[in-house]
Amino acid sequence: MKKLNTKSIVMLGVLTAFVIIFSTTPIGSIPIGPLVITLNIIPIALASITLGPTGSVIIGAVFGIFSFLQASGVIQGTAFAQTLFSISPVLTLIQCVVPRVLDGLCAGYIYKAVSKFNKETACFVTGFFSAFLNTVFFMTSLVTLYGKTEYLQSMINGRNILIFIVAFVGVNAVTEMVSSTVIAGAVGVALQKAKLVQTPTVQAS
């Protein structure tokens, strides 16, 4: 675990600010159908690169909390999320927070592992998996928590669950993966060159 220093605190604050901006303004959300393409996965990837698993878990939790606020109507969100909230606020809290925390945790360890071989490649790999895992965890929790509800059953409409998932998030997921890979990768490499990323050390055996 990286030591909590002034540089880390500043970076955590900056990335938290980006999540808040992306969550409360149209900048970070591009609606397509019932879902939105979100840019909030990019701060998770950047937290993984600059702060490690602990930092990316924190940013993931912040993302999840603001997703819940959108679903609850405190800040503007999608009709889909607000419908889930009307079915069960508790399940919606789990749906919003847990997948994003898991995304941050996994992305943090992915960067940590890959960076031991190539730091620049690790930035792009982390950007990709931040988006990919967010989709996997989000859809898994959605089907698990709401799969038997009348609302989701009407959307599945008797289809195979995998076909439903691909149809439901296809364009969104691919777009998020491409944007997160390119942006998080490029910014991560720039932060490395600016000496804002600590190099993981490998302990001698």
Protein backbone atom coordinates (compact mmCIF):
# COMPACT_ATOMS: atom_id res chain seq x y z
CA MET A 1 0.00 0.00 0.00
CA LYS A 2 1.32 3.44 -0.87
CA LYS A 3 1.93 5.88 1.91
CA LEU A 4 -0.62 8.65 2.22
CA ASN A 5 1.32 11.82 1.42
CA THR A 6 0.47 15.32 0.26
CA LYS A 7 0.74 14.35 -3.40
CA SER A 8 -1.66 11.43 -2.90
CA ILE A 9 -4.17 13.57 -0.99
CA VAL A 10 -4.14 16.20 -3.74
CA MET A 11 -4.58 13.56 -6.46
CA LEU A 12 -7.43 11.96 -4.52
CA GLY A 13 -9.10 15.35 -4.20
CA VAL A 14 -8.71 16.11 -7.91
CA LEU A 15 -10.13 12.76 -8.99
CA THR A 16 -13.01 13.08 -6.51
CA ALA A 17 -13.76 16.51 -8.00
CA PHE A 18 -13.88 14.99 -11.49
CA VAL A 19 -16.35 12.34 -10.31
CA ILE A 20 -18.56 15.02 -8.77
CA ILE A 21 -18.43 17.16 -11.92
CA PHE A 22 -19.13 14.18 -14.17
CA SER A 23 -22.04 13.13 -11.92
CA THR A 24 -23.71 16.51 -11.53
CA THR A 25 -23.27 17.99 -15.02
CA PRO A 26 -23.99 16.71 -18.56
CA ILE A 27 -20.23 16.52 -19.18
CA GLY A 28 -19.80 13.04 -17.76
CA SER A 29 -22.93 11.30 -19.02
CA ILE A 30 -23.95 10.60 -22.61
CA PRO A 31 -27.44 9.05 -22.69
CA ILE A 32 -28.08 6.22 -25.13
CA GLY A 33 -31.41 4.46 -24.68
CA PRO A 34 -32.12 3.51 -21.06
CA LEU A 35 -28.44 3.66 -20.10
CA VAL A 36 -25.70 6.28 -20.28
CA ILE A 37 -22.09 6.23 -21.34
CA THR A 38 -20.29 7.42 -18.22
CA LEU A 39 -16.84 8.98 -17.96
CA ASN A 40 -16.63 8.24 -14.23
CA ILE A 41 -14.78 5.01 -14.94
CA ILE A 42 -11.81 7.11 -16.10
CA PRO A 43 -11.12 8.62 -12.63
CA ILE A 44 -11.25 5.08 -11.24
CA ALA A 45 -8.58 4.01 -13.74
CA LEU A 46 -6.46 7.07 -12.98
CA ALA A 47 -6.78 6.44 -9.26
CA SER A 48 -5.58 2.89 -9.86
CA ILE A 49 -2.56 4.24 -11.71
CA THR A 50 -1.64 7.04 -9.31
CA LEU A 51 -2.90 5.82 -5.94
CA GLY A 52 -3.12 2.04 -6.12
CA PRO A 53 -6.01 -0.19 -5.03
CA THR A 54 -6.86 1.83 -1.90
CA GLY A 55 -7.27 5.06 -3.86
CA SER A 56 -9.24 3.43 -6.65
CA VAL A 57 -11.61 1.82 -4.14
CA ILE A 58 -12.27 5.26 -2.63
CA ILE A 59 -12.95 6.80 -6.04
CA GLY A 60 -15.14 3.83 -6.94
CA ALA A 61 -17.14 4.36 -3.74
CA VAL A 62 -17.56 8.07 -4.53
CA PHE A 63 -18.80 7.15 -8.01
CA GLY A 64 -21.23 4.65 -6.51
CA ILE A 65 -22.59 7.14 -3.97
CA PHE A 66 -23.25 9.74 -6.64
CA SER A 67 -24.88 7.09 -8.84
CA PHE A 68 -27.22 6.36 -5.94
CA LEU A 69 -27.97 10.08 -5.54
CA GLN A 70 -28.87 10.17 -9.23
CA ALA A 71 -31.13 7.15 -8.87
CA SER A 72 -32.84 8.65 -5.81
CA GLY A 73 -33.55 11.89 -7.66
CA VAL A 74 -31.37 14.07 -5.42
CA ILE A 75 -29.43 14.95 -8.57
CA GLN A 76 -30.58 14.39 -12.13
CA GLY A 77 -30.33 10.78 -13.27
CA THR A 78 -31.84 8.38 -15.78
CA ALA A 79 -35.42 7.14 -15.71
CA PHE A 80 -34.05 3.59 -15.64
CA ALA A 81 -32.08 4.14 -12.42
CA GLN A 82 -34.96 5.99 -10.80
CA THR A 83 -37.30 3.12 -11.63
CA LEU A 84 -34.93 0.70 -9.90
CA PHE A 85 -34.91 3.02 -6.89
CA SER A 86 -38.73 3.02 -6.80
CA ILE A 87 -38.65 -0.79 -6.67
CA SER A 88 -36.15 -0.95 -3.81
CA PRO A 89 -33.93 1.85 -2.46
CA VAL A 90 -31.80 -0.67 -0.54
CA LEU A 91 -31.14 -2.85 -3.57
CA THR A 92 -30.40 0.27 -5.60
CA LEU A 93 -27.79 1.35 -3.04
CA ILE A 94 -26.12 -2.06 -3.38
CA GLN A 95 -26.46 -1.92 -7.17
CA CYS A 96 -24.84 1.51 -7.36
CA VAL A 97 -22.01 1.18 -4.85
CA VAL A 98 -20.79 -2.43 -4.72
CA PRO A 99 -19.96 -2.87 -8.45
CA ARG A 100 -18.00 0.42 -8.50
CA VAL A 101 -16.03 -0.48 -5.36
CA LEU A 102 -15.19 -3.90 -6.84
CA ASP A 103 -14.23 -2.19 -10.10
CA GLY A 104 -11.82 0.10 -8.26
CA LEU A 105 -10.34 -2.77 -6.27
CA CYS A 106 -9.73 -4.96 -9.31
CA ALA A 107 -8.45 -2.13 -11.51
CA GLY A 108 -5.99 -1.13 -8.78
CA TYR A 109 -4.51 -4.61 -8.59
CA ILE A 110 -4.49 -5.00 -12.38
CA TYR A 111 -2.34 -1.87 -12.71
CA LYS A 112 -0.11 -3.00 -9.87
CA ALA A 113 0.47 -6.36 -11.54
CA VAL A 114 0.93 -5.23 -15.15
CA SER A 115 3.13 -2.23 -14.26
CA LYS A 116 5.81 -4.58 -12.98
CA PHE A 117 6.35 -5.57 -16.61
CA ASN A 118 5.61 -2.34 -18.48
CA LYS A 119 4.29 0.81 -16.82
CA GLU A 120 3.00 2.49 -19.98
CA THR A 121 1.15 -0.58 -21.18
CA ALA A 122 -0.32 -0.93 -17.69
CA CYS A 123 -2.04 2.45 -18.05
CA PHE A 124 -3.93 1.38 -21.18
CA VAL A 125 -4.72 -2.08 -19.81
CA THR A 126 -6.08 -0.51 -16.62
CA GLY A 127 -8.20 1.92 -18.61
CA PHE A 128 -9.73 -0.95 -20.55
CA PHE A 129 -10.45 -3.12 -17.54
CA SER A 130 -11.88 -0.23 -15.53
CA ALA A 131 -14.62 0.03 -18.17
CA PHE A 132 -14.94 -3.70 -18.85
CA LEU A 133 -15.24 -4.71 -15.22
CA ASN A 134 -17.65 -1.87 -14.46
CA THR A 135 -19.99 -3.31 -17.09
CA VAL A 136 -19.52 -6.89 -15.88
CA PHE A 137 -20.13 -6.06 -12.23
CA PHE A 138 -23.02 -3.68 -12.97
CA MET A 139 -24.89 -6.13 -15.18
CA THR A 140 -24.20 -9.09 -12.87
CA SER A 141 -25.63 -7.22 -9.90
CA LEU A 142 -28.56 -5.93 -11.98
CA VAL A 143 -29.60 -9.42 -13.04
CA THR A 144 -28.95 -10.86 -9.58
CA LEU A 145 -30.85 -8.19 -7.66
CA TYR A 146 -33.64 -7.34 -10.12
CA GLY A 147 -33.78 -10.32 -12.48
CA LYS A 148 -37.07 -11.62 -11.08
CA THR A 149 -38.83 -8.25 -10.92
CA GLU A 150 -41.64 -7.53 -13.34
CA TYR A 151 -39.78 -4.46 -14.63
CA LEU A 152 -36.64 -6.32 -15.68
CA GLN A 153 -38.55 -9.37 -16.87
CA SER A 154 -40.45 -7.12 -19.27
CA MET A 155 -37.11 -5.90 -20.67
CA ILE A 156 -35.64 -9.40 -20.92
CA ASN A 157 -38.84 -10.50 -22.68
CA GLY A 158 -38.04 -14.20 -22.61
CA ARG A 159 -34.60 -13.87 -24.21
CA ASN A 160 -31.49 -15.71 -23.11
CA ILE A 161 -29.88 -13.69 -20.33
CA LEU A 162 -26.55 -13.32 -22.16
CA ILE A 163 -28.31 -12.10 -25.30
CA PHE A 164 -30.23 -9.60 -23.17
CA ILE A 165 -27.03 -8.29 -21.56
CA VAL A 166 -25.24 -7.89 -24.91
CA ALA A 167 -28.23 -6.11 -26.43
CA PHE A 168 -28.72 -3.94 -23.35
CA VAL A 169 -25.18 -2.61 -22.97
CA GLY A 170 -23.53 -3.41 -26.30
CA VAL A 171 -22.90 0.06 -27.76
CA ASN A 172 -22.49 1.69 -24.35
CA ALA A 173 -19.96 -0.87 -23.16
CA VAL A 174 -17.82 -0.77 -26.29
CA THR A 175 -17.79 3.04 -26.31
CA GLU A 176 -16.83 3.17 -22.64
CA MET A 177 -14.04 0.64 -23.13
CA VAL A 178 -12.55 2.54 -26.07
CA SER A 179 -12.76 5.96 -24.41
CA SER A 180 -11.44 4.72 -21.07
CA THR A 181 -8.56 2.83 -22.69
CA VAL A 182 -7.46 5.80 -24.78
CA ILE A 183 -8.01 8.62 -22.26
CA ALA A 184 -6.88 6.84 -19.10
CA GLY A 185 -3.93 5.35 -20.95
CA ALA A 186 -2.75 8.65 -22.39
CA VAL A 187 -3.28 10.61 -19.18
CA GLY A 188 -1.68 7.86 -17.11
CA VAL A 189 1.45 7.87 -19.26
CA ALA A 190 1.60 11.67 -19.00
CA LEU A 191 1.33 11.45 -15.21
CA GLN A 192 4.14 8.89 -15.18
CA LYS A 193 6.38 11.21 -17.18
CA ALA A 194 5.49 14.03 -14.77
CA LYS A 195 6.69 11.79 -11.90
CA LEU A 196 3.20 11.74 -10.34
CA VAL A 197 3.04 7.95 -10.31
CA GLN A 198 5.06 5.89 -7.89
CA THR A 199 6.81 2.88 -9.35
CA PRO A 200 5.78 -0.38 -7.66
CA THR A 201 8.76 -2.08 -6.08
CA VAL A 202 9.43 -5.79 -6.34
CA GLN A 203 10.75 -7.31 -3.17
CA ALA A 204 13.81 -9.48 -3.46
CA SER A 205 13.30 -13.10 -2.60
